[in-house]
Amino acid sequence: MLHTLLHSPAHCDLESLLLMAGAGDDLLLLQDGVLAALAGSHALMRLSESEATLWVLDEDVQARGLAGQISTRVQSVDYTGFVTLTIRHQQQMVW
């Protein structure tokens, strides 16, 4: 399953997301969700506990001026990579 986090981690239910995301899943952080990829953040620490692979949409990181602050534990993806993730997963959950 592809999980997409669109909202700031301060305004979403991370606990439910963590319960739903598992091995073989991908979690894409986009829009204000990219804030969850900030190095050293509590949200990143929690999301890193999941077995899902973490991705961040580079265009949204750039738009928010956060390029130098994103953790290296999160893989960056462009819009083409986003499409690849949606093709890989028939099901998607938006958070």
N, C-alpha and C. Protein backbone atom coordinates (compact mmCIF):
# COMPACT_ATOMS: atom_id res chain seq x y z
N MET A 1 0.84 -1.17 0.00
CA MET A 1 0.00 0.00 0.00
C MET A 1 0.89 1.24 0.00
N LEU A 2 0.45 2.26 -0.70
CA LEU A 2 1.13 3.55 -0.68
C LEU A 2 0.39 4.46 0.28
N HIS A 3 1.10 4.94 1.27
CA HIS A 3 0.57 5.91 2.22
C HIS A 3 1.14 7.27 1.83
N THR A 4 0.28 8.28 1.74
CA THR A 4 0.75 9.63 1.43
C THR A 4 0.36 10.54 2.58
N LEU A 5 1.35 11.20 3.16
CA LEU A 5 1.13 12.14 4.25
C LEU A 5 1.19 13.54 3.69
N LEU A 6 0.04 14.22 3.66
CA LEU A 6 -0.07 15.55 3.06
C LEU A 6 -0.02 16.68 4.09
N HIS A 7 -0.29 16.35 5.33
CA HIS A 7 -0.41 17.38 6.36
C HIS A 7 0.79 17.38 7.29
N SER A 8 0.98 18.50 7.94
CA SER A 8 2.04 18.60 8.94
C SER A 8 1.86 17.48 9.96
N PRO A 9 2.96 16.91 10.45
CA PRO A 9 2.84 15.85 11.45
C PRO A 9 2.14 16.33 12.73
N ALA A 10 2.12 17.62 12.95
CA ALA A 10 1.42 18.17 14.12
C ALA A 10 -0.09 18.12 13.94
N HIS A 11 -0.55 17.91 12.71
CA HIS A 11 -1.99 17.94 12.42
C HIS A 11 -2.48 16.65 11.77
N CYS A 12 -1.87 15.53 12.12
CA CYS A 12 -2.32 14.25 11.58
C CYS A 12 -2.22 13.19 12.67
N ASP A 13 -2.80 12.06 12.41
CA ASP A 13 -2.81 10.95 13.37
C ASP A 13 -1.66 9.99 13.05
N LEU A 14 -0.46 10.34 13.50
CA LEU A 14 0.71 9.51 13.24
C LEU A 14 0.57 8.11 13.84
N GLU A 15 -0.08 8.02 14.98
CA GLU A 15 -0.22 6.71 15.63
C GLU A 15 -1.03 5.75 14.75
N SER A 16 -2.11 6.23 14.17
CA SER A 16 -2.91 5.38 13.28
C SER A 16 -2.13 5.03 12.02
N LEU A 17 -1.41 6.00 11.50
CA LEU A 17 -0.58 5.74 10.32
C LEU A 17 0.42 4.64 10.62
N LEU A 18 1.06 4.70 11.78
CA LEU A 18 2.04 3.69 12.15
C LEU A 18 1.41 2.31 12.32
N LEU A 19 0.18 2.27 12.77
CA LEU A 19 -0.51 0.99 12.91
C LEU A 19 -0.84 0.38 11.55
N MET A 20 -1.11 1.24 10.57
CA MET A 20 -1.52 0.77 9.24
C MET A 20 -0.35 0.45 8.32
N ALA A 21 0.74 1.20 8.42
CA ALA A 21 1.87 1.02 7.50
C ALA A 21 2.73 -0.15 7.96
N GLY A 22 3.06 -1.01 7.01
CA GLY A 22 3.84 -2.18 7.36
C GLY A 22 4.88 -2.53 6.32
N ALA A 23 5.43 -3.70 6.46
CA ALA A 23 6.46 -4.18 5.53
C ALA A 23 5.88 -4.24 4.12
N GLY A 24 6.66 -3.79 3.17
CA GLY A 24 6.23 -3.77 1.78
C GLY A 24 5.49 -2.52 1.38
N ASP A 25 5.14 -1.69 2.37
CA ASP A 25 4.44 -0.44 2.09
C ASP A 25 5.45 0.67 1.83
N ASP A 26 4.99 1.70 1.14
CA ASP A 26 5.78 2.92 0.96
C ASP A 26 5.01 4.07 1.58
N LEU A 27 5.73 4.99 2.20
CA LEU A 27 5.15 6.19 2.79
C LEU A 27 5.79 7.40 2.14
N LEU A 28 4.98 8.16 1.41
CA LEU A 28 5.47 9.34 0.71
C LEU A 28 5.03 10.59 1.46
N LEU A 29 6.00 11.42 1.82
CA LEU A 29 5.74 12.69 2.48
C LEU A 29 5.70 13.78 1.42
N LEU A 30 4.57 14.49 1.33
CA LEU A 30 4.45 15.56 0.35
C LEU A 30 3.65 16.70 0.95
N GLN A 31 3.61 17.82 0.24
CA GLN A 31 3.01 19.05 0.73
C GLN A 31 3.59 19.34 2.11
N ASP A 32 2.76 19.67 3.12
CA ASP A 32 3.30 19.95 4.45
C ASP A 32 3.77 18.70 5.19
N GLY A 33 3.48 17.54 4.64
CA GLY A 33 3.96 16.29 5.23
C GLY A 33 5.47 16.18 5.20
N VAL A 34 6.14 16.96 4.31
CA VAL A 34 7.61 16.90 4.25
C VAL A 34 8.23 17.34 5.56
N LEU A 35 7.48 18.04 6.39
CA LEU A 35 8.00 18.46 7.70
C LEU A 35 8.35 17.26 8.57
N ALA A 36 7.71 16.13 8.31
CA ALA A 36 7.99 14.91 9.08
C ALA A 36 9.36 14.34 8.75
N ALA A 37 9.99 14.82 7.68
CA ALA A 37 11.31 14.31 7.28
C ALA A 37 12.46 15.17 7.82
N LEU A 38 12.15 16.17 8.62
CA LEU A 38 13.20 17.03 9.17
C LEU A 38 14.12 16.22 10.08
N ALA A 39 15.41 16.34 9.85
CA ALA A 39 16.40 15.61 10.64
C ALA A 39 16.22 15.92 12.13
N GLY A 40 16.19 14.88 12.93
CA GLY A 40 16.08 15.04 14.38
C GLY A 40 14.68 15.28 14.91
N SER A 41 13.68 15.30 14.04
CA SER A 41 12.32 15.59 14.49
C SER A 41 11.69 14.37 15.17
N HIS A 42 10.77 14.65 16.07
CA HIS A 42 10.03 13.59 16.75
C HIS A 42 9.23 12.77 15.73
N ALA A 43 8.63 13.45 14.76
CA ALA A 43 7.83 12.76 13.75
C ALA A 43 8.70 11.77 12.96
N LEU A 44 9.89 12.17 12.57
CA LEU A 44 10.78 11.27 11.83
C LEU A 44 11.18 10.08 12.68
N MET A 45 11.44 10.33 13.95
CA MET A 45 11.79 9.24 14.85
C MET A 45 10.66 8.22 14.89
N ARG A 46 9.42 8.67 15.01
CA ARG A 46 8.26 7.77 15.07
C ARG A 46 8.07 7.04 13.74
N LEU A 47 8.16 7.78 12.62
CA LEU A 47 7.95 7.16 11.30
C LEU A 47 9.05 6.15 10.98
N SER A 48 10.24 6.37 11.50
CA SER A 48 11.35 5.45 11.26
C SER A 48 11.13 4.11 11.95
N GLU A 49 10.22 4.06 12.91
CA GLU A 49 9.90 2.81 13.59
C GLU A 49 9.07 1.89 12.70
N SER A 50 8.45 2.46 11.68
CA SER A 50 7.62 1.68 10.76
C SER A 50 8.51 0.86 9.82
N GLU A 51 7.96 -0.24 9.34
CA GLU A 51 8.68 -1.06 8.36
C GLU A 51 8.50 -0.53 6.94
N ALA A 52 7.64 0.48 6.77
CA ALA A 52 7.41 1.06 5.45
C ALA A 52 8.65 1.86 5.01
N THR A 53 8.87 1.91 3.72
CA THR A 53 9.96 2.71 3.16
C THR A 53 9.53 4.17 3.10
N LEU A 54 10.37 5.07 3.62
CA LEU A 54 10.05 6.49 3.66
C LEU A 54 10.59 7.22 2.44
N TRP A 55 9.73 8.04 1.84
CA TRP A 55 10.08 8.86 0.68
C TRP A 55 9.63 10.29 0.96
N VAL A 56 10.28 11.25 0.34
CA VAL A 56 9.88 12.65 0.43
C VAL A 56 9.89 13.24 -0.98
N LEU A 57 8.86 14.02 -1.30
CA LEU A 57 8.77 14.64 -2.62
C LEU A 57 9.69 15.85 -2.67
N ASP A 58 10.71 15.77 -3.50
CA ASP A 58 11.75 16.80 -3.56
C ASP A 58 11.19 18.18 -3.91
N GLU A 59 10.23 18.25 -4.82
CA GLU A 59 9.67 19.55 -5.22
C GLU A 59 9.04 20.27 -4.04
N ASP A 60 8.37 19.52 -3.14
CA ASP A 60 7.76 20.15 -1.97
C ASP A 60 8.80 20.55 -0.94
N VAL A 61 9.88 19.79 -0.85
CA VAL A 61 10.99 20.17 0.03
C VAL A 61 11.60 21.49 -0.46
N GLN A 62 11.86 21.57 -1.76
CA GLN A 62 12.44 22.78 -2.35
C GLN A 62 11.52 23.98 -2.17
N ALA A 63 10.22 23.78 -2.38
CA ALA A 63 9.25 24.87 -2.28
C ALA A 63 9.20 25.46 -0.87
N ARG A 64 9.55 24.65 0.12
CA ARG A 64 9.51 25.11 1.51
C ARG A 64 10.89 25.52 2.03
N GLY A 65 11.89 25.47 1.17
CA GLY A 65 13.24 25.88 1.57
C GLY A 65 13.87 24.97 2.60
N LEU A 66 13.56 23.68 2.55
CA LEU A 66 14.03 22.75 3.58
C LEU A 66 15.10 21.78 3.09
N ALA A 67 15.67 22.04 1.93
CA ALA A 67 16.59 21.09 1.30
C ALA A 67 17.73 20.66 2.23
N GLY A 68 18.30 21.54 2.97
CA GLY A 68 19.43 21.20 3.83
C GLY A 68 19.03 20.61 5.17
N GLN A 69 17.73 20.49 5.42
CA GLN A 69 17.28 20.05 6.73
C GLN A 69 16.61 18.67 6.73
N ILE A 70 16.52 18.05 5.57
CA ILE A 70 15.86 16.75 5.46
C ILE A 70 16.85 15.64 5.83
N SER A 71 16.38 14.68 6.60
CA SER A 71 17.22 13.57 7.05
C SER A 71 17.66 12.72 5.86
N THR A 72 18.87 12.21 5.97
CA THR A 72 19.39 11.32 4.93
C THR A 72 18.75 9.93 5.01
N ARG A 73 17.98 9.67 6.07
CA ARG A 73 17.28 8.38 6.20
C ARG A 73 16.03 8.31 5.33
N VAL A 74 15.65 9.44 4.73
CA VAL A 74 14.47 9.50 3.89
C VAL A 74 14.93 9.66 2.45
N GLN A 75 14.41 8.82 1.56
CA GLN A 75 14.79 8.88 0.16
C GLN A 75 13.99 9.97 -0.56
N SER A 76 14.66 10.73 -1.39
CA SER A 76 14.03 11.79 -2.15
C SER A 76 13.50 11.23 -3.47
N VAL A 77 12.36 11.74 -3.90
CA VAL A 77 11.75 11.30 -5.15
C VAL A 77 11.17 12.52 -5.86
N ASP A 78 11.20 12.50 -7.20
CA ASP A 78 10.57 13.58 -7.97
C ASP A 78 9.18 13.12 -8.40
N TYR A 79 8.50 13.92 -9.24
CA TYR A 79 7.14 13.56 -9.65
C TYR A 79 7.10 12.25 -10.44
N THR A 80 8.13 11.99 -11.22
CA THR A 80 8.18 10.73 -11.95
C THR A 80 8.26 9.56 -10.97
N GLY A 81 9.05 9.71 -9.91
CA GLY A 81 9.13 8.69 -8.88
C GLY A 81 7.81 8.53 -8.14
N PHE A 82 7.10 9.63 -7.94
CA PHE A 82 5.78 9.59 -7.31
C PHE A 82 4.84 8.73 -8.16
N VAL A 83 4.86 8.95 -9.47
CA VAL A 83 4.02 8.15 -10.37
C VAL A 83 4.42 6.68 -10.29
N THR A 84 5.71 6.41 -10.23
CA THR A 84 6.19 5.02 -10.12
C THR A 84 5.64 4.37 -8.85
N LEU A 85 5.64 5.10 -7.75
CA LEU A 85 5.09 4.57 -6.50
C LEU A 85 3.60 4.28 -6.62
N THR A 86 2.86 5.15 -7.30
CA THR A 86 1.42 4.91 -7.45
C THR A 86 1.14 3.72 -8.35
N ILE A 87 1.99 3.50 -9.34
CA ILE A 87 1.83 2.33 -10.22
C ILE A 87 2.15 1.05 -9.44
N ARG A 88 3.15 1.11 -8.57
CA ARG A 88 3.57 -0.06 -7.80
C ARG A 88 2.48 -0.53 -6.83
N HIS A 89 1.68 0.41 -6.33
CA HIS A 89 0.68 0.08 -5.31
C HIS A 89 -0.73 0.34 -5.85
N GLN A 90 -1.54 -0.70 -5.88
CA GLN A 90 -2.92 -0.53 -6.33
C GLN A 90 -3.76 0.21 -5.30
N GLN A 91 -3.39 0.09 -4.03
CA GLN A 91 -4.14 0.76 -2.96
C GLN A 91 -3.33 1.92 -2.42
N GLN A 92 -4.06 2.98 -2.05
CA GLN A 92 -3.41 4.16 -1.49
C GLN A 92 -4.24 4.68 -0.32
N MET A 93 -3.54 5.10 0.72
CA MET A 93 -4.20 5.70 1.89
C MET A 93 -3.62 7.10 2.05
N VAL A 94 -4.50 8.08 2.09
CA VAL A 94 -4.07 9.48 2.23
C VAL A 94 -4.26 9.91 3.69
N TRP A 95 -3.22 10.48 4.24
CA TRP A 95 -3.24 10.95 5.62
C TRP A 95 -3.13 12.44 5.67
